[in-house]
């Protein structure tokens, strides 16, 4: 199925929310996807659990949360890449991600092998 840019962004957002809920057991409170040239940028807000918010109050806790969440993303990476490929028909060349333990926001940037 051929999607418009807006439809692709919407489909990726829905799939990412679903992945977060199925894979991690909890989804974001807000999510948005933007496609820019050969990049898919996904912004997820409200992803930290109450326990993680408490843990993030000190530096050791922040580091622990970032390491744990990064490991979970690495293990789920094939699923994430498949979400993007299914919607955009483009291969993911690289994936960049970070989480803010202050705001509870996570960004994913998928670099694709072609412009959308």
C-alpha atoms as a PDB file:
ATOM      1  CA  UNK A   1       0.000   0.000   0.000  1.00  0.00           C
ATOM      2  CA  UNK A   2       1.347   3.440  -0.906  1.00  0.00           C
ATOM      3  CA  UNK A   3       1.091   5.932   1.935  1.00  0.00           C
ATOM      4  CA  UNK A   4       1.275   9.711   1.920  1.00  0.00           C
ATOM      5  CA  UNK A   5       3.982  11.233   4.139  1.00  0.00           C
ATOM      6  CA  UNK A   6       1.404  12.056   6.821  1.00  0.00           C
ATOM      7  CA  UNK A   7      -0.042   8.547   6.696  1.00  0.00           C
ATOM      8  CA  UNK A   8       3.469   7.060   7.025  1.00  0.00           C
ATOM      9  CA  UNK A   9       4.174   9.243  10.054  1.00  0.00           C
ATOM     10  CA  UNK A  10       0.863   8.209  11.625  1.00  0.00           C
ATOM     11  CA  UNK A  11       1.415   4.495  10.938  1.00  0.00           C
ATOM     12  CA  UNK A  12       4.938   4.577  12.385  1.00  0.00           C
ATOM     13  CA  UNK A  13       3.684   6.424  15.480  1.00  0.00           C
ATOM     14  CA  UNK A  14       0.954   3.812  16.064  1.00  0.00           C
ATOM     15  CA  UNK A  15       3.393   0.937  15.536  1.00  0.00           C
ATOM     16  CA  UNK A  16       5.983   2.448  17.888  1.00  0.00           C
ATOM     17  CA  UNK A  17       3.359   2.918  20.623  1.00  0.00           C
ATOM     18  CA  UNK A  18       2.266  -0.688  20.122  1.00  0.00           C
ATOM     19  CA  UNK A  19       5.899  -1.889  20.262  1.00  0.00           C
ATOM     20  CA  UNK A  20       6.540   0.020  23.500  1.00  0.00           C
ATOM     21  CA  UNK A  21       3.422  -1.465  25.098  1.00  0.00           C
ATOM     22  CA  UNK A  22       4.018  -5.025  23.914  1.00  0.00           C
ATOM     23  CA  UNK A  23       7.788  -5.127  24.359  1.00  0.00           C
ATOM     24  CA  UNK A  24       8.209  -3.028  27.500  1.00  0.00           C
ATOM     25  CA  UNK A  25       4.786  -3.390  29.066  1.00  0.00           C
ATOM     26  CA  UNK A  26       4.079   0.338  29.081  1.00  0.00           C
ATOM     27  CA  UNK A  27       3.573   2.865  26.329  1.00  0.00           C
ATOM     28  CA  UNK A  28       4.251   6.598  26.065  1.00  0.00           C
ATOM     29  CA  UNK A  29       1.719   9.235  27.046  1.00  0.00           C
ATOM     30  CA  UNK A  30       2.452  11.142  23.816  1.00  0.00           C
ATOM     31  CA  UNK A  31       4.099  10.191  20.539  1.00  0.00           C
ATOM     32  CA  UNK A  32       4.908  11.933  17.264  1.00  0.00           C
ATOM     33  CA  UNK A  33       6.775  10.944  14.131  1.00  0.00           C
ATOM     34  CA  UNK A  34       8.308  13.242  11.531  1.00  0.00           C
ATOM     35  CA  UNK A  35       9.885  12.205   8.247  1.00  0.00           C
ATOM     36  CA  UNK A  36      12.600  14.513   6.954  1.00  0.00           C
ATOM     37  CA  UNK A  37      14.521  13.562   3.812  1.00  0.00           C
ATOM     38  CA  UNK A  38      16.063  10.169   4.679  1.00  0.00           C
ATOM     39  CA  UNK A  39      15.313  10.349   8.416  1.00  0.00           C
ATOM     40  CA  UNK A  40      12.413   9.100  10.496  1.00  0.00           C
ATOM     41  CA  UNK A  41      12.323  10.919  13.825  1.00  0.00           C
ATOM     42  CA  UNK A  42      10.117   9.475  16.547  1.00  0.00           C
ATOM     43  CA  UNK A  43       9.495  11.396  19.750  1.00  0.00           C
ATOM     44  CA  UNK A  44       7.990   9.524  22.694  1.00  0.00           C
ATOM     45  CA  UNK A  45       7.000  11.328  25.887  1.00  0.00           C
ATOM     46  CA  UNK A  46       6.029   9.975  29.274  1.00  0.00           C
ATOM     47  CA  UNK A  47       7.847   6.675  28.936  1.00  0.00           C
ATOM     48  CA  UNK A  48       9.447   6.424  32.372  1.00  0.00           C
ATOM     49  CA  UNK A  49       7.707   4.343  35.019  1.00  0.00           C
ATOM     50  CA  UNK A  50       7.080   5.931  38.428  1.00  0.00           C
ATOM     51  CA  UNK A  51       9.923   3.803  39.839  1.00  0.00           C
ATOM     52  CA  UNK A  52      12.281   5.043  37.096  1.00  0.00           C
ATOM     53  CA  UNK A  53      11.295   8.653  37.834  1.00  0.00           C
ATOM     54  CA  UNK A  54      12.247   8.085  41.466  1.00  0.00           C
ATOM     55  CA  UNK A  55      15.490   6.336  40.475  1.00  0.00           C
ATOM     56  CA  UNK A  56      16.383   9.200  38.109  1.00  0.00           C
ATOM     57  CA  UNK A  57      16.728  11.615  41.006  1.00  0.00           C
ATOM     58  CA  UNK A  58      20.434  10.801  41.322  1.00  0.00           C
ATOM     59  CA  UNK A  59      23.249  10.353  38.817  1.00  0.00           C
ATOM     60  CA  UNK A  60      23.756   6.613  39.384  1.00  0.00           C
ATOM     61  CA  UNK A  61      20.047   6.039  38.845  1.00  0.00           C
ATOM     62  CA  UNK A  62      20.070   8.074  35.626  1.00  0.00           C
ATOM     63  CA  UNK A  63      22.973   6.038  34.257  1.00  0.00           C
ATOM     64  CA  UNK A  64      21.258   2.780  35.198  1.00  0.00           C
ATOM     65  CA  UNK A  65      18.012   3.758  33.453  1.00  0.00           C
ATOM     66  CA  UNK A  66      19.854   4.821  30.287  1.00  0.00           C
ATOM     67  CA  UNK A  67      21.854   1.564  30.178  1.00  0.00           C
ATOM     68  CA  UNK A  68      18.798  -0.613  30.749  1.00  0.00           C
ATOM     69  CA  UNK A  69      16.671   1.195  28.177  1.00  0.00           C
ATOM     70  CA  UNK A  70      19.517   1.127  25.631  1.00  0.00           C
ATOM     71  CA  UNK A  71      19.896  -2.631  26.073  1.00  0.00           C
ATOM     72  CA  UNK A  72      16.158  -3.132  25.571  1.00  0.00           C
ATOM     73  CA  UNK A  73      16.270  -1.094  22.353  1.00  0.00           C
ATOM     74  CA  UNK A  74      19.253  -3.068  21.052  1.00  0.00           C
ATOM     75  CA  UNK A  75      17.441  -6.358  21.651  1.00  0.00           C
ATOM     76  CA  UNK A  76      14.274  -5.032  20.004  1.00  0.00           C
ATOM     77  CA  UNK A  77      16.112  -3.334  17.143  1.00  0.00           C
ATOM     78  CA  UNK A  78      15.104  -5.846  14.439  1.00  0.00           C
ATOM     79  CA  UNK A  79      11.439  -5.224  15.270  1.00  0.00           C
ATOM     80  CA  UNK A  80      11.930  -1.454  15.202  1.00  0.00           C
ATOM     81  CA  UNK A  81      13.692  -1.579  11.840  1.00  0.00           C
ATOM     82  CA  UNK A  82      10.903  -3.779  10.455  1.00  0.00           C
ATOM     83  CA  UNK A  83       8.269  -1.244  11.571  1.00  0.00           C
ATOM     84  CA  UNK A  84      10.007   1.514   9.597  1.00  0.00           C
ATOM     85  CA  UNK A  85      10.725  -0.675   6.562  1.00  0.00           C
ATOM     86  CA  UNK A  86       7.150  -1.956   6.369  1.00  0.00           C
ATOM     87  CA  UNK A  87       5.730   1.567   6.235  1.00  0.00           C
ATOM     88  CA  UNK A  88       8.410   3.391   4.207  1.00  0.00           C
ATOM     89  CA  UNK A  89       9.732   0.561   1.989  1.00  0.00           C
ATOM     90  CA  UNK A  90      13.217   1.799   2.877  1.00  0.00           C
ATOM     91  CA  UNK A  91      15.995  -0.027   4.699  1.00  0.00           C
ATOM     92  CA  UNK A  92      17.264   1.337   7.997  1.00  0.00           C
ATOM     93  CA  UNK A  93      20.981   2.089   7.747  1.00  0.00           C
ATOM     94  CA  UNK A  94      21.425   3.227  11.333  1.00  0.00           C
ATOM     95  CA  UNK A  95      19.434   3.921  14.458  1.00  0.00           C
ATOM     96  CA  UNK A  96      20.259   6.651  16.966  1.00  0.00           C
ATOM     97  CA  UNK A  97      18.390   7.010  20.238  1.00  0.00           C
ATOM     98  CA  UNK A  98      18.580   8.685  23.610  1.00  0.00           C
ATOM     99  CA  UNK A  99      16.340   9.100  26.604  1.00  0.00           C
ATOM    100  CA  UNK A 100      16.049  12.102  28.881  1.00  0.00           C
ATOM    101  CA  UNK A 101      15.745  11.029  32.487  1.00  0.00           C
ATOM    102  CA  UNK A 102      14.702  14.602  33.337  1.00  0.00           C
ATOM    103  CA  UNK A 103      11.749  14.892  30.959  1.00  0.00           C
ATOM    104  CA  UNK A 104      10.863  11.230  30.394  1.00  0.00           C
ATOM    105  CA  UNK A 105      11.242  11.729  26.650  1.00  0.00           C
ATOM    106  CA  UNK A 106      12.935   9.390  24.185  1.00  0.00           C
ATOM    107  CA  UNK A 107      13.980  10.179  20.621  1.00  0.00           C
ATOM    108  CA  UNK A 108      14.606   7.648  17.899  1.00  0.00           C
ATOM    109  CA  UNK A 109      16.252   8.708  14.644  1.00  0.00           C
ATOM    110  CA  UNK A 110      16.201   6.097  11.891  1.00  0.00           C
ATOM    111  CA  UNK A 111      18.548   6.834   8.982  1.00  0.00           C
ATOM    112  CA  UNK A 112      17.228   5.300   5.758  1.00  0.00           C
ATOM    113  CA  UNK A 113      18.870   4.181   2.537  1.00  0.00           C
ATOM    114  CA  UNK A 114      16.737   6.600   0.485  1.00  0.00           C
ATOM    115  CA  UNK A 115      14.766   9.813   0.807  1.00  0.00           C
ATOM    116  CA  UNK A 116      11.062   9.525   1.456  1.00  0.00           C
END
